[in-house]
Amino acid sequence: MKLKKLPRFKARNLLVLHPLLHKGGVHQAADVDTARMRERKREQTRLRKTNWLEGTTSL
């Protein structure tokens, strides 16, 4: 019985594995919509943690 040759795999794109290109890296910081949503989420969290009777935030 003859064995078939296995297909050769393409070389992996090493740039894809670069940590700065993953979520939260360089490109996400430049994205205006993402930065706006992050700021809104931070503000909502701050408002939720505000003690409105004393007027202070509890972090």
C-alpha atoms as a PDB file:
ATOM      1  CA  MET A   1       0.000   0.000   0.000  1.00  0.00           C
ATOM      2  CA  LYS A   2       1.426   3.354  -1.074  1.00  0.00           C
ATOM      3  CA  LEU A   3       1.197   6.358   1.203  1.00  0.00           C
ATOM      4  CA  LYS A   4      -0.052   9.612  -0.267  1.00  0.00           C
ATOM      5  CA  LYS A   5       2.039  12.712   0.179  1.00  0.00           C
ATOM      6  CA  LEU A   6       0.518  15.048   2.715  1.00  0.00           C
ATOM      7  CA  PRO A   7      -0.262  18.553   1.463  1.00  0.00           C
ATOM      8  CA  ARG A   8       2.141  21.245   2.577  1.00  0.00           C
ATOM      9  CA  PHE A   9       0.682  23.909   4.766  1.00  0.00           C
ATOM     10  CA  LYS A  10       1.192  27.571   4.004  1.00  0.00           C
ATOM     11  CA  ALA A  11       3.551  29.452   6.270  1.00  0.00           C
ATOM     12  CA  ARG A  12       1.738  31.182   9.120  1.00  0.00           C
ATOM     13  CA  ASN A  13       1.491  34.947   8.976  1.00  0.00           C
ATOM     14  CA  LEU A  14       3.601  35.910  12.001  1.00  0.00           C
ATOM     15  CA  LEU A  15       2.244  39.460  11.973  1.00  0.00           C
ATOM     16  CA  VAL A  16      -1.137  38.079  13.087  1.00  0.00           C
ATOM     17  CA  LEU A  17       0.454  36.798  16.289  1.00  0.00           C
ATOM     18  CA  HIS A  18       1.846  40.233  17.208  1.00  0.00           C
ATOM     19  CA  PRO A  19       0.358  41.306  20.577  1.00  0.00           C
ATOM     20  CA  LEU A  20      -0.122  44.959  19.578  1.00  0.00           C
ATOM     21  CA  LEU A  21      -2.450  43.939  16.760  1.00  0.00           C
ATOM     22  CA  HIS A  22      -4.817  42.080  19.097  1.00  0.00           C
ATOM     23  CA  LYS A  23      -7.827  43.580  20.814  1.00  0.00           C
ATOM     24  CA  GLY A  24      -6.778  46.421  23.058  1.00  0.00           C
ATOM     25  CA  GLY A  25      -3.603  47.050  21.060  1.00  0.00           C
ATOM     26  CA  VAL A  26      -2.465  49.989  18.982  1.00  0.00           C
ATOM     27  CA  HIS A  27      -5.305  49.875  16.476  1.00  0.00           C
ATOM     28  CA  GLN A  28      -8.079  49.861  19.063  1.00  0.00           C
ATOM     29  CA  ALA A  29      -6.692  53.011  20.706  1.00  0.00           C
ATOM     30  CA  ALA A  30      -6.958  54.830  17.380  1.00  0.00           C
ATOM     31  CA  ASP A  31     -10.555  53.752  16.797  1.00  0.00           C
ATOM     32  CA  VAL A  32     -12.797  56.702  17.726  1.00  0.00           C
ATOM     33  CA  ASP A  33     -15.985  54.677  18.212  1.00  0.00           C
ATOM     34  CA  THR A  34     -14.267  52.181  20.477  1.00  0.00           C
ATOM     35  CA  ALA A  35     -12.681  54.947  22.553  1.00  0.00           C
ATOM     36  CA  ARG A  36     -16.073  56.695  22.848  1.00  0.00           C
ATOM     37  CA  MET A  37     -17.822  53.518  23.999  1.00  0.00           C
ATOM     38  CA  ARG A  38     -15.033  52.819  26.492  1.00  0.00           C
ATOM     39  CA  GLU A  39     -15.380  56.338  27.911  1.00  0.00           C
ATOM     40  CA  ARG A  40     -19.175  56.006  28.161  1.00  0.00           C
ATOM     41  CA  LYS A  41     -18.853  52.658  29.934  1.00  0.00           C
ATOM     42  CA  ARG A  42     -16.373  54.166  32.410  1.00  0.00           C
ATOM     43  CA  GLU A  43     -18.698  57.114  33.056  1.00  0.00           C
ATOM     44  CA  GLN A  44     -21.720  54.827  33.559  1.00  0.00           C
ATOM     45  CA  THR A  45     -19.759  52.760  36.058  1.00  0.00           C
ATOM     46  CA  ARG A  46     -18.686  55.903  37.923  1.00  0.00           C
ATOM     47  CA  LEU A  47     -22.275  57.169  38.072  1.00  0.00           C
ATOM     48  CA  ARG A  48     -23.535  53.796  39.280  1.00  0.00           C
ATOM     49  CA  LYS A  49     -21.003  53.829  42.136  1.00  0.00           C
ATOM     50  CA  THR A  50     -21.868  57.383  43.206  1.00  0.00           C
ATOM     51  CA  ASN A  51     -23.495  57.694  46.592  1.00  0.00           C
ATOM     52  CA  TRP A  52     -26.091  60.305  45.695  1.00  0.00           C
ATOM     53  CA  LEU A  53     -27.059  60.988  49.329  1.00  0.00           C
ATOM     54  CA  GLU A  54     -23.508  61.968  50.288  1.00  0.00           C
ATOM     55  CA  GLY A  55     -22.361  63.172  46.869  1.00  0.00           C
ATOM     56  CA  THR A  56     -19.216  61.039  46.895  1.00  0.00           C
ATOM     57  CA  THR A  57     -18.032  58.121  44.841  1.00  0.00           C
ATOM     58  CA  SER A  58     -17.179  54.829  46.486  1.00  0.00           C
ATOM     59  CA  LEU A  59     -14.387  53.139  44.548  1.00  0.00           C
END
